[in-house]
C-alpha atoms as a PDB file:
ATOM      1  CA  MET A   1      27.611  -1.507  39.571  1.00  0.00           C
ATOM      2  CA  ARG A   2      29.398  -0.579  36.384  1.00  0.00           C
ATOM      3  CA  LYS A   3      27.639  -3.247  34.329  1.00  0.00           C
ATOM      4  CA  ARG A   4      24.269  -2.385  35.836  1.00  0.00           C
ATOM      5  CA  LEU A   5      24.615   1.249  34.777  1.00  0.00           C
ATOM      6  CA  LEU A   6      25.669   0.220  31.289  1.00  0.00           C
ATOM      7  CA  TYR A   7      22.789  -2.250  30.906  1.00  0.00           C
ATOM      8  CA  ALA A   8      20.309   0.295  32.248  1.00  0.00           C
ATOM      9  CA  GLY A   9      21.567   2.885  29.765  1.00  0.00           C
ATOM     10  CA  VAL A  10      21.224   0.503  26.825  1.00  0.00           C
ATOM     11  CA  PHE A  11      17.723  -0.467  27.974  1.00  0.00           C
ATOM     12  CA  LEU A  12      16.640   3.186  28.158  1.00  0.00           C
ATOM     13  CA  LEU A  13      18.080   3.855  24.692  1.00  0.00           C
ATOM     14  CA  LEU A  14      16.066   0.961  23.274  1.00  0.00           C
ATOM     15  CA  ALA A  15      12.962   2.209  25.091  1.00  0.00           C
ATOM     16  CA  SER A  16      13.468   5.673  23.588  1.00  0.00           C
ATOM     17  CA  LEU A  17      13.605   4.096  20.120  1.00  0.00           C
ATOM     18  CA  VAL A  18      10.283   2.334  20.777  1.00  0.00           C
ATOM     19  CA  PHE A  19       8.722   5.633  21.894  1.00  0.00           C
ATOM     20  CA  LEU A  20      10.096   7.367  18.789  1.00  0.00           C
ATOM     21  CA  VAL A  21       8.605   4.741  16.460  1.00  0.00           C
ATOM     22  CA  ALA A  22       5.285   4.983  18.294  1.00  0.00           C
ATOM     23  CA  SER A  23       5.235   8.766  17.940  1.00  0.00           C
ATOM     24  CA  ALA A  24       5.962   8.507  14.211  1.00  0.00           C
ATOM     25  CA  ALA A  25       2.992   6.160  13.830  1.00  0.00           C
ATOM     26  CA  MET A  26       0.781   8.861  15.334  1.00  0.00           C
ATOM     27  CA  GLN A  27       1.423  11.134  12.322  1.00  0.00           C
ATOM     28  CA  THR A  28      -0.629  10.396   9.231  1.00  0.00           C
ATOM     29  CA  ARG A  29      -0.891  12.246   5.941  1.00  0.00           C
ATOM     30  CA  GLU A  30      -4.381  12.950   4.699  1.00  0.00           C
ATOM     31  CA  LYS A  31      -5.370  14.584   1.437  1.00  0.00           C
ATOM     32  CA  ARG A  32      -8.306  16.972   1.477  1.00  0.00           C
ATOM     33  CA  ARG A  33     -10.114  18.437  -1.495  1.00  0.00           C
ATOM     34  CA  PHE A  34      -8.785  21.973  -1.907  1.00  0.00           C
ATOM     35  CA  LYS A  35     -10.295  23.208  -5.173  1.00  0.00           C
ATOM     36  CA  ASN A  36     -11.939  21.784  -8.280  1.00  0.00           C
ATOM     37  CA  VAL A  37     -13.381  22.853 -11.630  1.00  0.00           C
ATOM     38  CA  LEU A  38     -15.921  21.043 -13.801  1.00  0.00           C
ATOM     39  CA  GLY A  39     -15.741  20.674 -17.582  1.00  0.00           C
ATOM     40  CA  SER A  40     -12.704  22.911 -17.957  1.00  0.00           C
ATOM     41  CA  TRP A  41      -9.307  22.649 -19.611  1.00  0.00           C
ATOM     42  CA  ASP A  42      -7.505  24.438 -16.780  1.00  0.00           C
ATOM     43  CA  ILE A  43      -7.587  25.378 -13.120  1.00  0.00           C
ATOM     44  CA  THR A  44      -6.048  28.374 -11.357  1.00  0.00           C
ATOM     45  CA  VAL A  45      -5.519  28.391  -7.604  1.00  0.00           C
ATOM     46  CA  SER A  46      -3.496  30.225  -4.961  1.00  0.00           C
ATOM     47  CA  LEU A  47      -1.131  27.752  -3.284  1.00  0.00           C
ATOM     48  CA  GLU A  48       0.680  28.111   0.023  1.00  0.00           C
ATOM     49  CA  ASN A  49       4.412  28.026   0.531  1.00  0.00           C
ATOM     50  CA  GLU A  50       6.002  24.782   1.832  1.00  0.00           C
ATOM     51  CA  THR A  51       2.763  22.841   1.298  1.00  0.00           C
ATOM     52  CA  THR A  52       2.232  19.632  -0.681  1.00  0.00           C
ATOM     53  CA  TYR A  53      -0.593  19.299  -3.208  1.00  0.00           C
ATOM     54  CA  ILE A  54      -1.934  16.538  -5.459  1.00  0.00           C
ATOM     55  CA  LEU A  55      -3.560  17.166  -8.830  1.00  0.00           C
ATOM     56  CA  ASP A  56      -5.960  14.612 -10.281  1.00  0.00           C
ATOM     57  CA  ILE A  57      -8.025  14.561 -13.487  1.00  0.00           C
ATOM     58  CA  MET A  58     -11.384  12.797 -13.736  1.00  0.00           C
ATOM     59  CA  SER A  59     -12.407  11.449 -17.145  1.00  0.00           C
ATOM     60  CA  SER A  60     -15.622  12.523 -18.829  1.00  0.00           C
ATOM     61  CA  SER A  61     -18.154  10.232 -20.501  1.00  0.00           C
ATOM     62  CA  GLN A  62     -16.690  11.324 -23.830  1.00  0.00           C
ATOM     63  CA  TRP A  63     -13.241  10.200 -22.716  1.00  0.00           C
ATOM     64  CA  LYS A  64     -14.645   6.825 -21.652  1.00  0.00           C
ATOM     65  CA  ASP A  65     -16.455   6.305 -24.971  1.00  0.00           C
ATOM     66  CA  ASP A  66     -13.422   7.316 -27.011  1.00  0.00           C
ATOM     67  CA  PHE A  67     -11.114   5.025 -25.039  1.00  0.00           C
ATOM     68  CA  THR A  68     -13.520   2.085 -25.413  1.00  0.00           C
ATOM     69  CA  ASN A  69     -14.230   2.682 -29.100  1.00  0.00           C
ATOM     70  CA  GLY A  70     -10.543   3.121 -29.810  1.00  0.00           C
ATOM     71  CA  GLY A  71      -9.767  -0.328 -28.373  1.00  0.00           C
ATOM     72  CA  TYR A  72      -6.594   0.957 -26.721  1.00  0.00           C
ATOM     73  CA  ASN A  73      -4.457  -1.661 -24.970  1.00  0.00           C
ATOM     74  CA  THR A  74      -1.911   0.795 -23.617  1.00  0.00           C
ATOM     75  CA  ALA A  75      -2.117   3.874 -21.413  1.00  0.00           C
ATOM     76  CA  GLN A  76      -3.051   7.025 -23.333  1.00  0.00           C
ATOM     77  CA  PRO A  77      -1.286  10.359 -22.681  1.00  0.00           C
ATOM     78  CA  VAL A  78      -2.607  13.769 -21.709  1.00  0.00           C
ATOM     79  CA  ASP A  79      -0.181  16.699 -21.777  1.00  0.00           C
ATOM     80  CA  LEU A  80      -0.218  19.270 -18.972  1.00  0.00           C
ATOM     81  CA  ALA A  81       1.528  22.567 -18.358  1.00  0.00           C
ATOM     82  CA  VAL A  82       1.751  24.029 -14.856  1.00  0.00           C
ATOM     83  CA  VAL A  83       2.496  27.764 -14.858  1.00  0.00           C
ATOM     84  CA  SER A  84       4.041  29.026 -11.625  1.00  0.00           C
ATOM     85  CA  PRO A  85       4.225  32.549 -10.134  1.00  0.00           C
ATOM     86  CA  CYS A  86       7.790  32.673 -11.434  1.00  0.00           C
ATOM     87  CA  GLY A  87       6.351  32.707 -14.963  1.00  0.00           C
ATOM     88  CA  ASN A  88       7.939  29.401 -15.922  1.00  0.00           C
ATOM     89  CA  GLU A  89       6.215  26.182 -16.996  1.00  0.00           C
ATOM     90  CA  THR A  90       6.524  22.618 -15.730  1.00  0.00           C
ATOM     91  CA  GLY A  91       5.837  20.089 -18.479  1.00  0.00           C
ATOM     92  CA  ILE A  92       3.902  16.995 -17.394  1.00  0.00           C
ATOM     93  CA  GLN A  93       2.472  14.019 -19.233  1.00  0.00           C
ATOM     94  CA  VAL A  94      -0.143  11.930 -17.419  1.00  0.00           C
ATOM     95  CA  PHE A  95      -1.372   8.545 -18.641  1.00  0.00           C
ATOM     96  CA  PHE A  96      -4.875   7.064 -18.488  1.00  0.00           C
ATOM     97  CA  VAL A  97      -6.050   3.463 -18.520  1.00  0.00           C
ATOM     98  CA  ALA A  98      -9.587   1.988 -18.476  1.00  0.00           C
ATOM     99  CA  ARG A  99     -10.889  -1.523 -17.972  1.00  0.00           C
ATOM    100  CA  TYR A 100     -13.149  -2.787 -20.716  1.00  0.00           C
ATOM    101  CA  SER A 101     -16.531  -4.295 -19.999  1.00  0.00           C
ATOM    102  CA  GLU A 102     -16.419  -8.085 -19.709  1.00  0.00           C
ATOM    103  CA  SER A 103     -20.126  -8.644 -19.122  1.00  0.00           C
ATOM    104  CA  GLN A 104     -23.198  -6.880 -17.822  1.00  0.00           C
ATOM    105  CA  TYR A 105     -22.002  -7.708 -14.319  1.00  0.00           C
ATOM    106  CA  TYR A 106     -18.544  -6.212 -14.907  1.00  0.00           C
ATOM    107  CA  PRO A 107     -19.057  -2.926 -16.763  1.00  0.00           C
ATOM    108  CA  GLY A 108     -16.154  -0.948 -18.120  1.00  0.00           C
ATOM    109  CA  THR A 109     -14.524   1.775 -16.069  1.00  0.00           C
ATOM    110  CA  PHE A 110     -13.739   5.394 -16.802  1.00  0.00           C
ATOM    111  CA  PRO A 111     -10.116   6.037 -17.814  1.00  0.00           C
ATOM    112  CA  SER A 112      -8.155   6.871 -14.677  1.00  0.00           C
ATOM    113  CA  LEU A 113      -4.779   8.492 -14.161  1.00  0.00           C
ATOM    114  CA  VAL A 114      -2.261   5.730 -13.431  1.00  0.00           C
ATOM    115  CA  TYR A 115       1.195   7.282 -13.755  1.00  0.00           C
ATOM    116  CA  VAL A 116       3.055  10.500 -14.531  1.00  0.00           C
ATOM    117  CA  GLU A 117       6.127  11.538 -16.507  1.00  0.00           C
ATOM    118  CA  TYR A 118       7.792  14.910 -15.962  1.00  0.00           C
ATOM    119  CA  GLY A 119       9.569  16.986 -18.536  1.00  0.00           C
ATOM    120  CA  SER A 120      11.082  20.343 -17.619  1.00  0.00           C
ATOM    121  CA  VAL A 121      10.414  21.306 -13.977  1.00  0.00           C
ATOM    122  CA  ASP A 122      10.381  24.840 -12.574  1.00  0.00           C
ATOM    123  CA  ALA A 123      12.623  23.925  -9.630  1.00  0.00           C
ATOM    124  CA  ASP A 124      12.591  27.503  -8.317  1.00  0.00           C
ATOM    125  CA  CYS A 125       8.887  27.312  -7.506  1.00  0.00           C
ATOM    126  CA  LEU A 126       7.976  23.682  -6.921  1.00  0.00           C
ATOM    127  CA  LYS A 127       9.426  20.264  -6.151  1.00  0.00           C
ATOM    128  CA  VAL A 128       7.758  17.275  -7.811  1.00  0.00           C
ATOM    129  CA  ASP A 129       7.390  13.765  -6.431  1.00  0.00           C
ATOM    130  CA  ARG A 130       8.367  11.447  -9.277  1.00  0.00           C
ATOM    131  CA  SER A 131       7.485   8.279  -7.342  1.00  0.00           C
ATOM    132  CA  TYR A 132       3.809   9.189  -6.828  1.00  0.00           C
ATOM    133  CA  PRO A 133       1.229   7.839  -9.342  1.00  0.00           C
ATOM    134  CA  GLN A 134      -0.523  11.212  -9.607  1.00  0.00           C
ATOM    135  CA  VAL A 135       0.789  14.759  -9.958  1.00  0.00           C
ATOM    136  CA  ARG A 136       2.200  15.474  -6.482  1.00  0.00           C
ATOM    137  CA  PHE A 137       4.357  18.493  -5.734  1.00  0.00           C
ATOM    138  CA  THR A 138       5.523  20.708  -2.882  1.00  0.00           C
ATOM    139  CA  VAL A 139       5.316  24.468  -3.346  1.00  0.00           C
ATOM    140  CA  ILE A 140       8.571  26.334  -2.792  1.00  0.00           C
ATOM    141  CA  ARG A 141       7.210  29.772  -3.676  1.00  0.00           C
ATOM    142  CA  GLY A 142       3.581  30.496  -2.859  1.00  0.00           C
ATOM    143  CA  GLY A 143       1.240  32.283  -5.253  1.00  0.00           C
ATOM    144  CA  ASN A 144      -1.145  31.648  -8.126  1.00  0.00           C
ATOM    145  CA  TYR A 145      -0.589  28.457 -10.105  1.00  0.00           C
ATOM    146  CA  THR A 146      -2.379  27.403 -13.278  1.00  0.00           C
ATOM    147  CA  ALA A 147      -2.573  23.808 -14.486  1.00  0.00           C
ATOM    148  CA  ARG A 148      -3.668  23.613 -18.128  1.00  0.00           C
ATOM    149  CA  ILE A 149      -4.431  20.593 -20.296  1.00  0.00           C
ATOM    150  CA  ILE A 150      -2.936  21.045 -23.768  1.00  0.00           C
ATOM    151  CA  SER A 151      -5.857  20.185 -26.025  1.00  0.00           C
ATOM    152  CA  ASP A 152      -3.819  20.451 -29.255  1.00  0.00           C
ATOM    153  CA  THR A 153      -1.895  17.253 -28.426  1.00  0.00           C
ATOM    154  CA  LEU A 154      -4.901  15.286 -27.150  1.00  0.00           C
ATOM    155  CA  ASN A 155      -5.286  12.795 -30.000  1.00  0.00           C
ATOM    156  CA  TRP A 156      -7.174   9.845 -28.535  1.00  0.00           C
ATOM    157  CA  THR A 157     -10.219  11.772 -27.273  1.00  0.00           C
ATOM    158  CA  THR A 158     -12.009  15.121 -27.495  1.00  0.00           C
ATOM    159  CA  GLY A 159     -13.426  17.646 -25.080  1.00  0.00           C
ATOM    160  CA  PRO A 160     -12.308  18.647 -21.574  1.00  0.00           C
ATOM    161  CA  PRO A 161     -12.278  16.231 -18.626  1.00  0.00           C
ATOM    162  CA  ARG A 162     -15.227  15.916 -16.287  1.00  0.00           C
ATOM    163  CA  GLU A 163     -13.297  17.460 -13.403  1.00  0.00           C
ATOM    164  CA  ILE A 164      -9.875  18.720 -12.368  1.00  0.00           C
ATOM    165  CA  VAL A 165      -9.227  18.411  -8.644  1.00  0.00           C
ATOM    166  CA  ILE A 166      -6.454  19.747  -6.436  1.00  0.00           C
ATOM    167  CA  TYR A 167      -5.980  18.134  -3.028  1.00  0.00           C
ATOM    168  CA  LYS A 168      -4.027  19.567  -0.134  1.00  0.00           C
ATOM    169  CA  GLU A 169      -1.998  17.258   2.071  1.00  0.00           C
ATOM    170  CA  ILE A 170      -2.651  17.685   5.789  1.00  0.00           C
ATOM    171  CA  MET A 171      -0.544  16.162   8.557  1.00  0.00           C
ATOM    172  CA  GLU A 172      -2.868  14.605  11.124  1.00  0.00           C
ATOM    173  CA  ILE A 173      -1.296  14.344  14.581  1.00  0.00           C
ATOM    174  CA  GLN A 174      -2.797  12.193  17.352  1.00  0.00           C
ATOM    175  CA  PRO A 175      -3.267  13.743  20.834  1.00  0.00           C
ATOM    176  CA  LEU A 176      -0.538  11.604  22.455  1.00  0.00           C
ATOM    177  CA  TYR A 177       2.066  12.450  19.813  1.00  0.00           C
ATOM    178  CA  ALA A 178       3.768  15.141  21.930  1.00  0.00           C
ATOM    179  CA  VAL A 179       3.826  12.889  25.000  1.00  0.00           C
ATOM    180  CA  PHE A 180       5.538  10.036  23.163  1.00  0.00           C
ATOM    181  CA  LEU A 181       7.974  12.363  21.395  1.00  0.00           C
ATOM    182  CA  GLN A 182       9.021  14.095  24.626  1.00  0.00           C
ATOM    183  CA  GLY A 183       9.212  10.744  26.400  1.00  0.00           C
ATOM    184  CA  SER A 184      11.495   9.437  23.668  1.00  0.00           C
ATOM    185  CA  GLY A 185      13.813  12.435  24.086  1.00  0.00           C
ATOM    186  CA  ALA A 186      13.949  12.081  27.881  1.00  0.00           C
ATOM    187  CA  LEU A 187      14.671   8.348  27.720  1.00  0.00           C
ATOM    188  CA  CYS A 188      17.354   8.900  25.087  1.00  0.00           C
ATOM    189  CA  ILE A 189      19.170  11.494  27.215  1.00  0.00           C
ATOM    190  CA  ALA A 190      18.929   9.375  30.379  1.00  0.00           C
ATOM    191  CA  GLY A 191      20.078   6.275  28.530  1.00  0.00           C
ATOM    192  CA  ALA A 192      23.052   8.069  26.990  1.00  0.00           C
ATOM    193  CA  VAL A 193      24.147   9.464  30.358  1.00  0.00           C
ATOM    194  CA  LEU A 194      23.906   6.103  32.102  1.00  0.00           C
ATOM    195  CA  SER A 195      25.728   4.361  29.266  1.00  0.00           C
ATOM    196  CA  VAL A 196      28.613   6.853  29.368  1.00  0.00           C
ATOM    197  CA  VAL A 197      28.866   6.711  33.156  1.00  0.00           C
ATOM    198  CA  GLY A 198      28.725   2.928  33.125  1.00  0.00           C
ATOM    199  CA  ALA A 199      31.371   2.673  30.404  1.00  0.00           C
ATOM    200  CA  LYS A 200      33.795   5.049  32.154  1.00  0.00           C
ATOM    201  CA  ALA A 201      33.334   3.788  35.673  1.00  0.00           C
ATOM    202  CA  ARG A 202      36.325   1.851  36.976  1.00  0.00           C
ATOM    203  CA  PRO A 203      35.673  -1.530  38.525  1.00  0.00           C
ATOM    204  CA  ARG A 204      36.521  -1.757  42.209  1.00  0.00           C
ATOM    205  CA  LYS A 205      39.456  -3.893  43.138  1.00  0.00           C
ATOM    206  CA  LYS A 206      38.781  -6.663  45.555  1.00  0.00           C
ATOM    207  CA  LEU A 207      40.963  -6.581  48.538  1.00  0.00           C
ATOM    208  CA  ARG A 208      42.390  -9.834  49.466  1.00  0.00           C
ATOM    209  CA  LEU A 209      42.999 -10.316  53.098  1.00  0.00           C
ATOM    210  CA  LYS A 210      46.089 -12.240  53.826  1.00  0.00           C
ATOM    211  CA  GLU A 211      46.251 -14.124  56.998  1.00  0.00           C
ATOM    212  CA  ARG A 212      49.462 -13.793  58.806  1.00  0.00           C
ATOM    213  CA  THR A 213      50.476 -16.276  61.285  1.00  0.00           C
ATOM    214  CA  LYS A 214      51.844 -14.898  64.473  1.00  0.00           C
ATOM    215  CA  GLN A 215      55.019 -16.421  65.680  1.00  0.00           C
ATOM    216  CA  LYS A 216      54.955 -17.095  69.253  1.00  0.00           C
END
């Protein structure tokens, strides 16, 4: 009986882990277009507290022509400054790469943002994600934020980008997420109880019957 309780407890704990993994798979992050501006050096937007956003910059035809005519073999930088409601700036440098045209069947591409380097970060207002290939950050203090391209340091091209876009990350949750999460919790509790009871239970001693011979 003791071993059965222990085995049942371990089985339920493993089942709860399976339910937990399944519930995690039912949560997906999706980025939705939040705001954009066309042909501008900057964008100002009101951002919500404890929310993650992604900033992307789309190259203009001028940027494409300048990159191609320049014959650049390395990623070219664009300096950004993000001004937070705290009044401080976060310094960012984003890098663009384009593929050159190989033939009429493989035309060249517009320069696209491929990676980011961060300078000083206003840690009181936002938290940046240094592992993400675009500008991704979580807002700590909500309010109006302005992202501005510093044109004075833009040496490889001229003119503003075609578009600046800010995306908002949304957590998509499947309908059965709550069922699997609650099921995982219930199985975990039941498995823990059975495991403890099975581990503490004392095995029953077998009584040995001794035959006594009667003396006549």
